[in-house]
Amino acid sequence: MRVPADNHTRGPHIHIDHQYIGVAASADPVAVPEHPFGWFTADELDGAEMLSDTLLLAKMIFPVINILNATQIDRAEQWRAMATAGLL
């Protein structure tokens, strides 16, 4: 996303939000994270504080997360799922 100058950069720049998908047996942390981040379920997204475009992408991921995580399907099927969800 294009953003104006801020306290980190003197001129206009591109802001990149990183989204990671994790599938875990437990939501309990095993260590203190080096950088702040949050884990959200699909039901928690509406109350999450994040940029609107990041929120939109996160909501697009959840309907296909099981396909993206599946080990029994090939990468082509995973790419088709992402394209269908509008993630590509």
PDB file of N, CA and C in Angstrom:
ATOM      1  N   MET A   1       0.850  -1.156   0.000  1.00  0.00           N
ATOM      2  CA  MET A   1       0.000   0.000   0.000  1.00  0.00           C
ATOM      3  C   MET A   1       0.906   1.233   0.000  1.00  0.00           C
ATOM      4  N   ARG A   2       0.586   2.191  -0.849  1.00  0.00           N
ATOM      5  CA  ARG A   2       1.337   3.442  -0.890  1.00  0.00           C
ATOM      6  C   ARG A   2       0.913   4.309   0.305  1.00  0.00           C
ATOM      7  N   VAL A   3       1.913   4.820   1.025  1.00  0.00           N
ATOM      8  CA  VAL A   3       1.639   5.660   2.186  1.00  0.00           C
ATOM      9  C   VAL A   3       2.531   6.897   2.136  1.00  0.00           C
ATOM     10  N   PRO A   4       2.103   7.984   2.799  1.00  0.00           N
ATOM     11  CA  PRO A   4       2.917   9.197   2.821  1.00  0.00           C
ATOM     12  C   PRO A   4       4.095   9.046   3.786  1.00  0.00           C
ATOM     13  N   ALA A   5       4.910  10.072   3.862  1.00  0.00           N
ATOM     14  CA  ALA A   5       6.024  10.083   4.806  1.00  0.00           C
ATOM     15  C   ALA A   5       5.497   9.865   6.221  1.00  0.00           C
ATOM     16  N   ASP A   6       6.309   9.229   7.045  1.00  0.00           N
ATOM     17  CA  ASP A   6       5.922   9.006   8.435  1.00  0.00           C
ATOM     18  C   ASP A   6       7.168   9.086   9.313  1.00  0.00           C
ATOM     19  N   ASN A   7       7.067   8.632  10.549  1.00  0.00           N
ATOM     20  CA  ASN A   7       8.208   8.748  11.456  1.00  0.00           C
ATOM     21  C   ASN A   7       9.333   7.762  11.137  1.00  0.00           C
ATOM     22  N   HIS A   8       9.117   6.847  10.172  1.00  0.00           N
ATOM     23  CA  HIS A   8      10.154   5.894   9.792  1.00  0.00           C
ATOM     24  C   HIS A   8      10.856   6.280   8.487  1.00  0.00           C
ATOM     25  N   THR A   9      10.136   6.922   7.593  1.00  0.00           N
ATOM     26  CA  THR A   9      10.661   7.258   6.271  1.00  0.00           C
ATOM     27  C   THR A   9      10.283   8.693   5.927  1.00  0.00           C
ATOM     28  N   ARG A  10      11.239   9.471   5.414  1.00  0.00           N
ATOM     29  CA  ARG A  10      11.007  10.896   5.146  1.00  0.00           C
ATOM     30  C   ARG A  10      10.093  11.158   3.953  1.00  0.00           C
ATOM     31  N   GLY A  11       9.999  10.235   3.032  1.00  0.00           N
ATOM     32  CA  GLY A  11       9.189  10.451   1.840  1.00  0.00           C
ATOM     33  C   GLY A  11       8.132   9.379   1.684  1.00  0.00           C
ATOM     34  N   PRO A  12       7.270   9.543   0.687  1.00  0.00           N
ATOM     35  CA  PRO A  12       6.267   8.514   0.415  1.00  0.00           C
ATOM     36  C   PRO A  12       6.952   7.166   0.162  1.00  0.00           C
ATOM     37  N   HIS A  13       6.299   6.108   0.551  1.00  0.00           N
ATOM     38  CA  HIS A  13       6.892   4.786   0.401  1.00  0.00           C
ATOM     39  C   HIS A  13       5.804   3.723   0.309  1.00  0.00           C
ATOM     40  N   ILE A  14       6.233   2.510   0.123  1.00  0.00           N
ATOM     41  CA  ILE A  14       5.311   1.378   0.036  1.00  0.00           C
ATOM     42  C   ILE A  14       5.325   0.659   1.375  1.00  0.00           C
ATOM     43  N   HIS A  15       4.137   0.419   1.927  1.00  0.00           N
ATOM     44  CA  HIS A  15       3.997  -0.318   3.180  1.00  0.00           C
ATOM     45  C   HIS A  15       3.561  -1.738   2.838  1.00  0.00           C
ATOM     46  N   ILE A  16       4.290  -2.703   3.346  1.00  0.00           N
ATOM     47  CA  ILE A  16       3.965  -4.108   3.082  1.00  0.00           C
ATOM     48  C   ILE A  16       3.572  -4.761   4.396  1.00  0.00           C
ATOM     49  N   ASP A  17       2.365  -5.317   4.434  1.00  0.00           N
ATOM     50  CA  ASP A  17       1.927  -6.099   5.590  1.00  0.00           C
ATOM     51  C   ASP A  17       2.197  -7.559   5.284  1.00  0.00           C
ATOM     52  N   HIS A  18       2.696  -8.247   6.259  1.00  0.00           N
ATOM     53  CA  HIS A  18       2.968  -9.670   6.093  1.00  0.00           C
ATOM     54  C   HIS A  18       1.881 -10.461   6.795  1.00  0.00           C
ATOM     55  N   GLN A  19       1.369 -11.450   6.110  1.00  0.00           N
ATOM     56  CA  GLN A  19       0.384 -12.335   6.705  1.00  0.00           C
ATOM     57  C   GLN A  19       0.928 -13.747   6.639  1.00  0.00           C
ATOM     58  N   TYR A  20       0.851 -14.409   7.743  1.00  0.00           N
ATOM     59  CA  TYR A  20       1.324 -15.786   7.820  1.00  0.00           C
ATOM     60  C   TYR A  20       0.145 -16.656   8.227  1.00  0.00           C
ATOM     61  N   ILE A  21       0.069 -17.800   7.629  1.00  0.00           N
ATOM     62  CA  ILE A  21      -0.976 -18.752   7.974  1.00  0.00           C
ATOM     63  C   ILE A  21      -0.325 -19.843   8.799  1.00  0.00           C
ATOM     64  N   GLY A  22      -0.896 -20.125   9.935  1.00  0.00           N
ATOM     65  CA  GLY A  22      -0.360 -21.185  10.774  1.00  0.00           C
ATOM     66  C   GLY A  22      -1.463 -22.125  11.199  1.00  0.00           C
ATOM     67  N   VAL A  23      -1.164 -23.375  11.160  1.00  0.00           N
ATOM     68  CA  VAL A  23      -2.091 -24.389  11.653  1.00  0.00           C
ATOM     69  C   VAL A  23      -1.370 -25.062  12.809  1.00  0.00           C
ATOM     70  N   ALA A  24      -1.960 -24.961  13.986  1.00  0.00           N
ATOM     71  CA  ALA A  24      -1.294 -25.470  15.182  1.00  0.00           C
ATOM     72  C   ALA A  24      -2.246 -26.312  16.012  1.00  0.00           C
ATOM     73  N   ALA A  25      -1.676 -27.247  16.743  1.00  0.00           N
ATOM     74  CA  ALA A  25      -2.478 -28.095  17.624  1.00  0.00           C
ATOM     75  C   ALA A  25      -2.955 -27.313  18.844  1.00  0.00           C
ATOM     76  N   SER A  26      -2.240 -26.238  19.189  1.00  0.00           N
ATOM     77  CA  SER A  26      -2.582 -25.453  20.371  1.00  0.00           C
ATOM     78  C   SER A  26      -2.324 -23.978  20.091  1.00  0.00           C
ATOM     79  N   ALA A  27      -3.112 -23.130  20.717  1.00  0.00           N
ATOM     80  CA  ALA A  27      -2.904 -21.687  20.592  1.00  0.00           C
ATOM     81  C   ALA A  27      -1.977 -21.160  21.683  1.00  0.00           C
ATOM     82  N   ASP A  28      -1.505 -22.026  22.556  1.00  0.00           N
ATOM     83  CA  ASP A  28      -0.625 -21.612  23.639  1.00  0.00           C
ATOM     84  C   ASP A  28       0.787 -21.357  23.107  1.00  0.00           C
ATOM     85  N   PRO A  29       1.339 -20.161  23.347  1.00  0.00           N
ATOM     86  CA  PRO A  29       2.692 -19.862  22.856  1.00  0.00           C
ATOM     87  C   PRO A  29       3.737 -20.712  23.584  1.00  0.00           C
ATOM     88  N   VAL A  30       4.813 -21.022  22.880  1.00  0.00           N
ATOM     89  CA  VAL A  30       5.904 -21.788  23.488  1.00  0.00           C
ATOM     90  C   VAL A  30       7.103 -20.893  23.785  1.00  0.00           C
ATOM     91  N   ALA A  31       7.072 -19.644  23.303  1.00  0.00           N
ATOM     92  CA  ALA A  31       8.156 -18.692  23.561  1.00  0.00           C
ATOM     93  C   ALA A  31       7.609 -17.280  23.385  1.00  0.00           C
ATOM     94  N   VAL A  32       8.357 -16.307  23.863  1.00  0.00           N
ATOM     95  CA  VAL A  32       7.991 -14.904  23.680  1.00  0.00           C
ATOM     96  C   VAL A  32       8.413 -14.500  22.267  1.00  0.00           C
ATOM     97  N   PRO A  33       7.506 -13.932  21.462  1.00  0.00           N
ATOM     98  CA  PRO A  33       7.882 -13.563  20.095  1.00  0.00           C
ATOM     99  C   PRO A  33       8.888 -12.418  20.071  1.00  0.00           C
ATOM    100  N   GLU A  34       9.758 -12.435  19.075  1.00  0.00           N
ATOM    101  CA  GLU A  34      10.755 -11.375  18.925  1.00  0.00           C
ATOM    102  C   GLU A  34      10.103 -10.084  18.444  1.00  0.00           C
ATOM    103  N   HIS A  35       9.075 -10.207  17.612  1.00  0.00           N
ATOM    104  CA  HIS A  35       8.331  -9.061  17.095  1.00  0.00           C
ATOM    105  C   HIS A  35       6.860  -9.242  17.441  1.00  0.00           C
ATOM    106  N   PRO A  36       6.157  -8.148  17.716  1.00  0.00           N
ATOM    107  CA  PRO A  36       4.732  -8.284  18.052  1.00  0.00           C
ATOM    108  C   PRO A  36       3.929  -8.793  16.861  1.00  0.00           C
ATOM    109  N   PHE A  37       3.023  -9.670  17.128  1.00  0.00           N
ATOM    110  CA  PHE A  37       2.122 -10.181  16.108  1.00  0.00           C
ATOM    111  C   PHE A  37       0.899 -10.744  16.807  1.00  0.00           C
ATOM    112  N   GLY A  38      -0.085 -11.122  16.054  1.00  0.00           N
ATOM    113  CA  GLY A  38      -1.280 -11.709  16.641  1.00  0.00           C
ATOM    114  C   GLY A  38      -1.766 -12.878  15.812  1.00  0.00           C
ATOM    115  N   TRP A  39      -2.344 -13.846  16.498  1.00  0.00           N
ATOM    116  CA  TRP A  39      -2.996 -14.974  15.836  1.00  0.00           C
ATOM    117  C   TRP A  39      -4.494 -14.742  15.957  1.00  0.00           C
ATOM    118  N   PHE A  40      -5.218 -14.931  14.878  1.00  0.00           N
ATOM    119  CA  PHE A  40      -6.660 -14.689  14.875  1.00  0.00           C
ATOM    120  C   PHE A  40      -7.394 -15.863  14.256  1.00  0.00           C
ATOM    121  N   THR A  41      -8.539 -16.167  14.816  1.00  0.00           N
ATOM    122  CA  THR A  41      -9.441 -17.111  14.171  1.00  0.00           C
ATOM    123  C   THR A  41     -10.330 -16.314  13.230  1.00  0.00           C
ATOM    124  N   ALA A  42     -11.062 -16.987  12.385  1.00  0.00           N
ATOM    125  CA  ALA A  42     -11.967 -16.294  11.465  1.00  0.00           C
ATOM    126  C   ALA A  42     -12.987 -15.465  12.241  1.00  0.00           C
ATOM    127  N   ASP A  43     -13.457 -15.976  13.369  1.00  0.00           N
ATOM    128  CA  ASP A  43     -14.453 -15.270  14.168  1.00  0.00           C
ATOM    129  C   ASP A  43     -13.890 -14.022  14.847  1.00  0.00           C
ATOM    130  N   GLU A  44     -12.581 -13.960  15.027  1.00  0.00           N
ATOM    131  CA  GLU A  44     -11.958 -12.820  15.712  1.00  0.00           C
ATOM    132  C   GLU A  44     -11.574 -11.684  14.772  1.00  0.00           C
ATOM    133  N   LEU A  45     -11.649 -11.896  13.477  1.00  0.00           N
ATOM    134  CA  LEU A  45     -11.179 -10.885  12.531  1.00  0.00           C
ATOM    135  C   LEU A  45     -11.933  -9.569  12.617  1.00  0.00           C
ATOM    136  N   ASP A  46     -13.249  -9.609  12.799  1.00  0.00           N
ATOM    137  CA  ASP A  46     -14.015  -8.364  12.822  1.00  0.00           C
ATOM    138  C   ASP A  46     -13.611  -7.435  13.955  1.00  0.00           C
ATOM    139  N   GLY A  47     -13.070  -7.965  15.034  1.00  0.00           N
ATOM    140  CA  GLY A  47     -12.641  -7.125  16.143  1.00  0.00           C
ATOM    141  C   GLY A  47     -11.152  -6.828  16.142  1.00  0.00           C
ATOM    142  N   ALA A  48     -10.443  -7.309  15.133  1.00  0.00           N
ATOM    143  CA  ALA A  48      -8.986  -7.146  15.097  1.00  0.00           C
ATOM    144  C   ALA A  48      -8.602  -5.755  14.606  1.00  0.00           C
ATOM    145  N   GLU A  49      -7.562  -5.199  15.212  1.00  0.00           N
ATOM    146  CA  GLU A  49      -7.048  -3.908  14.772  1.00  0.00           C
ATOM    147  C   GLU A  49      -5.984  -4.151  13.713  1.00  0.00           C
ATOM    148  N   MET A  50      -6.347  -3.906  12.457  1.00  0.00           N
ATOM    149  CA  MET A  50      -5.397  -4.028  11.358  1.00  0.00           C
ATOM    150  C   MET A  50      -5.884  -3.175  10.207  1.00  0.00           C
ATOM    151  N   LEU A  51      -4.987  -2.888   9.278  1.00  0.00           N
ATOM    152  CA  LEU A  51      -5.358  -2.092   8.116  1.00  0.00           C
ATOM    153  C   LEU A  51      -6.481  -2.776   7.355  1.00  0.00           C
ATOM    154  N   SER A  52      -7.338  -1.981   6.741  1.00  0.00           N
ATOM    155  CA  SER A  52      -8.516  -2.545   6.076  1.00  0.00           C
ATOM    156  C   SER A  52      -8.145  -3.506   4.954  1.00  0.00           C
ATOM    157  N   ASP A  53      -7.068  -3.219   4.198  1.00  0.00           N
ATOM    158  CA  ASP A  53      -6.696  -4.143   3.125  1.00  0.00           C
ATOM    159  C   ASP A  53      -6.131  -5.442   3.685  1.00  0.00           C
ATOM    160  N   THR A  54      -5.439  -5.373   4.816  1.00  0.00           N
ATOM    161  CA  THR A  54      -4.928  -6.578   5.472  1.00  0.00           C
ATOM    162  C   THR A  54      -6.085  -7.410   5.988  1.00  0.00           C
ATOM    163  N   LEU A  55      -7.071  -6.752   6.568  1.00  0.00           N
ATOM    164  CA  LEU A  55      -8.255  -7.450   7.062  1.00  0.00           C
ATOM    165  C   LEU A  55      -8.990  -8.145   5.923  1.00  0.00           C
ATOM    166  N   LEU A  56      -9.123  -7.471   4.797  1.00  0.00           N
ATOM    167  CA  LEU A  56      -9.785  -8.059   3.637  1.00  0.00           C
ATOM    168  C   LEU A  56      -9.060  -9.322   3.176  1.00  0.00           C
ATOM    169  N   LEU A  57      -7.733  -9.250   3.074  1.00  0.00           N
ATOM    170  CA  LEU A  57      -6.963 -10.423   2.663  1.00  0.00           C
ATOM    171  C   LEU A  57      -7.090 -11.564   3.667  1.00  0.00           C
ATOM    172  N   ALA A  58      -7.063 -11.239   4.942  1.00  0.00           N
ATOM    173  CA  ALA A  58      -7.201 -12.273   5.964  1.00  0.00           C
ATOM    174  C   ALA A  58      -8.550 -12.972   5.837  1.00  0.00           C
ATOM    175  N   LYS A  59      -9.599 -12.218   5.586  1.00  0.00           N
ATOM    176  CA  LYS A  59     -10.930 -12.821   5.427  1.00  0.00           C
ATOM    177  C   LYS A  59     -11.009 -13.687   4.172  1.00  0.00           C
ATOM    178  N   MET A  60     -10.222 -13.348   3.153  1.00  0.00           N
ATOM    179  CA  MET A  60     -10.218 -14.138   1.925  1.00  0.00           C
ATOM    180  C   MET A  60      -9.479 -15.461   2.106  1.00  0.00           C
ATOM    181  N   ILE A  61      -8.546 -15.512   3.042  1.00  0.00           N
ATOM    182  CA  ILE A  61      -7.740 -16.713   3.249  1.00  0.00           C
ATOM    183  C   ILE A  61      -8.524 -17.821   3.939  1.00  0.00           C
ATOM    184  N   PHE A  62      -9.345 -17.473   4.914  1.00  0.00           N
ATOM    185  CA  PHE A  62      -9.991 -18.494   5.729  1.00  0.00           C
ATOM    186  C   PHE A  62     -10.833 -19.508   4.946  1.00  0.00           C
ATOM    187  N   PRO A  63     -11.590 -19.117   3.932  1.00  0.00           N
ATOM    188  CA  PRO A  63     -12.367 -20.132   3.214  1.00  0.00           C
ATOM    189  C   PRO A  63     -11.519 -21.194   2.504  1.00  0.00           C
ATOM    190  N   VAL A  64     -10.251 -20.903   2.252  1.00  0.00           N
ATOM    191  CA  VAL A  64      -9.408 -21.873   1.533  1.00  0.00           C
ATOM    192  C   VAL A  64      -8.249 -22.388   2.385  1.00  0.00           C
ATOM    193  N   ILE A  65      -8.229 -22.070   3.677  1.00  0.00           N
ATOM    194  CA  ILE A  65      -7.084 -22.456   4.506  1.00  0.00           C
ATOM    195  C   ILE A  65      -6.903 -23.971   4.555  1.00  0.00           C
ATOM    196  N   ASN A  66      -7.992 -24.733   4.594  1.00  0.00           N
ATOM    197  CA  ASN A  66      -7.857 -26.185   4.646  1.00  0.00           C
ATOM    198  C   ASN A  66      -7.267 -26.733   3.356  1.00  0.00           C
ATOM    199  N   ILE A  67      -7.607 -26.126   2.233  1.00  0.00           N
ATOM    200  CA  ILE A  67      -7.031 -26.556   0.957  1.00  0.00           C
ATOM    201  C   ILE A  67      -5.547 -26.214   0.924  1.00  0.00           C
ATOM    202  N   LEU A  68      -5.204 -25.027   1.376  1.00  0.00           N
ATOM    203  CA  LEU A  68      -3.804 -24.612   1.370  1.00  0.00           C
ATOM    204  C   LEU A  68      -2.954 -25.476   2.293  1.00  0.00           C
ATOM    205  N   ASN A  69      -3.544 -26.003   3.345  1.00  0.00           N
ATOM    206  CA  ASN A  69      -2.822 -26.809   4.323  1.00  0.00           C
ATOM    207  C   ASN A  69      -2.831 -28.299   3.980  1.00  0.00           C
ATOM    208  N   ALA A  70      -3.654 -28.716   3.059  1.00  0.00           N
ATOM    209  CA  ALA A  70      -3.789 -30.138   2.744  1.00  0.00           C
ATOM    210  C   ALA A  70      -2.505 -30.705   2.156  1.00  0.00           C
ATOM    211  N   THR A  71      -2.137 -31.866   2.616  1.00  0.00           N
ATOM    212  CA  THR A  71      -0.934 -32.521   2.089  1.00  0.00           C
ATOM    213  C   THR A  71      -1.272 -33.509   0.985  1.00  0.00           C
ATOM    214  N   GLN A  72      -2.534 -33.892   0.872  1.00  0.00           N
ATOM    215  CA  GLN A  72      -2.904 -34.893  -0.111  1.00  0.00           C
ATOM    216  C   GLN A  72      -3.237 -34.300  -1.486  1.00  0.00           C
ATOM    217  N   ILE A  73      -3.179 -32.979  -1.638  1.00  0.00           N
ATOM    218  CA  ILE A  73      -3.433 -32.377  -2.949  1.00  0.00           C
ATOM    219  C   ILE A  73      -2.158 -31.753  -3.474  1.00  0.00           C
ATOM    220  N   ASP A  74      -2.100 -31.574  -4.752  1.00  0.00           N
ATOM    221  CA  ASP A  74      -0.883 -31.037  -5.345  1.00  0.00           C
ATOM    222  C   ASP A  74      -0.877 -29.510  -5.313  1.00  0.00           C
ATOM    223  N   ARG A  75       0.266 -28.941  -5.601  1.00  0.00           N
ATOM    224  CA  ARG A  75       0.435 -27.486  -5.571  1.00  0.00           C
ATOM    225  C   ARG A  75      -0.481 -26.787  -6.571  1.00  0.00           C
ATOM    226  N   ALA A  76      -0.752 -27.414  -7.708  1.00  0.00           N
ATOM    227  CA  ALA A  76      -1.633 -26.797  -8.703  1.00  0.00           C
ATOM    228  C   ALA A  76      -3.021 -26.577  -8.114  1.00  0.00           C
ATOM    229  N   GLU A  77      -3.503 -27.530  -7.346  1.00  0.00           N
ATOM    230  CA  GLU A  77      -4.815 -27.386  -6.700  1.00  0.00           C
ATOM    231  C   GLU A  77      -4.787 -26.263  -5.667  1.00  0.00           C
ATOM    232  N   GLN A  78      -3.683 -26.145  -4.948  1.00  0.00           N
ATOM    233  CA  GLN A  78      -3.562 -25.062  -3.979  1.00  0.00           C
ATOM    234  C   GLN A  78      -3.566 -23.707  -4.685  1.00  0.00           C
ATOM    235  N   TRP A  79      -2.859 -23.599  -5.799  1.00  0.00           N
ATOM    236  CA  TRP A  79      -2.846 -22.355  -6.568  1.00  0.00           C
ATOM    237  C   TRP A  79      -4.241 -22.043  -7.101  1.00  0.00           C
ATOM    238  N   ARG A  80      -4.972 -23.049  -7.570  1.00  0.00           N
ATOM    239  CA  ARG A  80      -6.342 -22.823  -8.056  1.00  0.00           C
ATOM    240  C   ARG A  80      -7.231 -22.317  -6.921  1.00  0.00           C
ATOM    241  N   ALA A  81      -7.057 -22.864  -5.725  1.00  0.00           N
ATOM    242  CA  ALA A  81      -7.851 -22.421  -4.578  1.00  0.00           C
ATOM    243  C   ALA A  81      -7.561 -20.956  -4.256  1.00  0.00           C
ATOM    244  N   MET A  82      -6.283 -20.569  -4.295  1.00  0.00           N
ATOM    245  CA  MET A  82      -5.935 -19.173  -4.020  1.00  0.00           C
ATOM    246  C   MET A  82      -6.489 -18.247  -5.098  1.00  0.00           C
ATOM    247  N   ALA A  83      -6.424 -18.680  -6.347  1.00  0.00           N
ATOM    248  CA  ALA A  83      -6.956 -17.855  -7.443  1.00  0.00           C
ATOM    249  C   ALA A  83      -8.469 -17.708  -7.304  1.00  0.00           C
ATOM    250  N   THR A  84      -9.158 -18.785  -6.969  1.00  0.00           N
ATOM    251  CA  THR A  84     -10.607 -18.742  -6.788  1.00  0.00           C
ATOM    252  C   THR A  84     -10.997 -17.801  -5.655  1.00  0.00           C
ATOM    253  N   ALA A  85     -10.174 -17.763  -4.604  1.00  0.00           N
ATOM    254  CA  ALA A  85     -10.438 -16.886  -3.453  1.00  0.00           C
ATOM    255  C   ALA A  85     -10.047 -15.443  -3.736  1.00  0.00           C
ATOM    256  N   GLY A  86      -9.433 -15.180  -4.891  1.00  0.00           N
ATOM    257  CA  GLY A  86      -9.014 -13.826  -5.224  1.00  0.00           C
ATOM    258  C   GLY A  86      -7.694 -13.426  -4.591  1.00  0.00           C
ATOM    259  N   LEU A  87      -6.895 -14.412  -4.166  1.00  0.00           N
ATOM    260  CA  LEU A  87      -5.631 -14.129  -3.509  1.00  0.00           C
ATOM    261  C   LEU A  87      -4.467 -13.982  -4.471  1.00  0.00           C
ATOM    262  N   LEU A  88      -4.683 -14.230  -5.746  1.00  0.00           N
ATOM    263  CA  LEU A  88      -3.608 -14.096  -6.738  1.00  0.00           C
ATOM    264  C   LEU A  88      -3.935 -12.982  -7.697  1.00  0.00           C
TER     265      LEU A  88
END
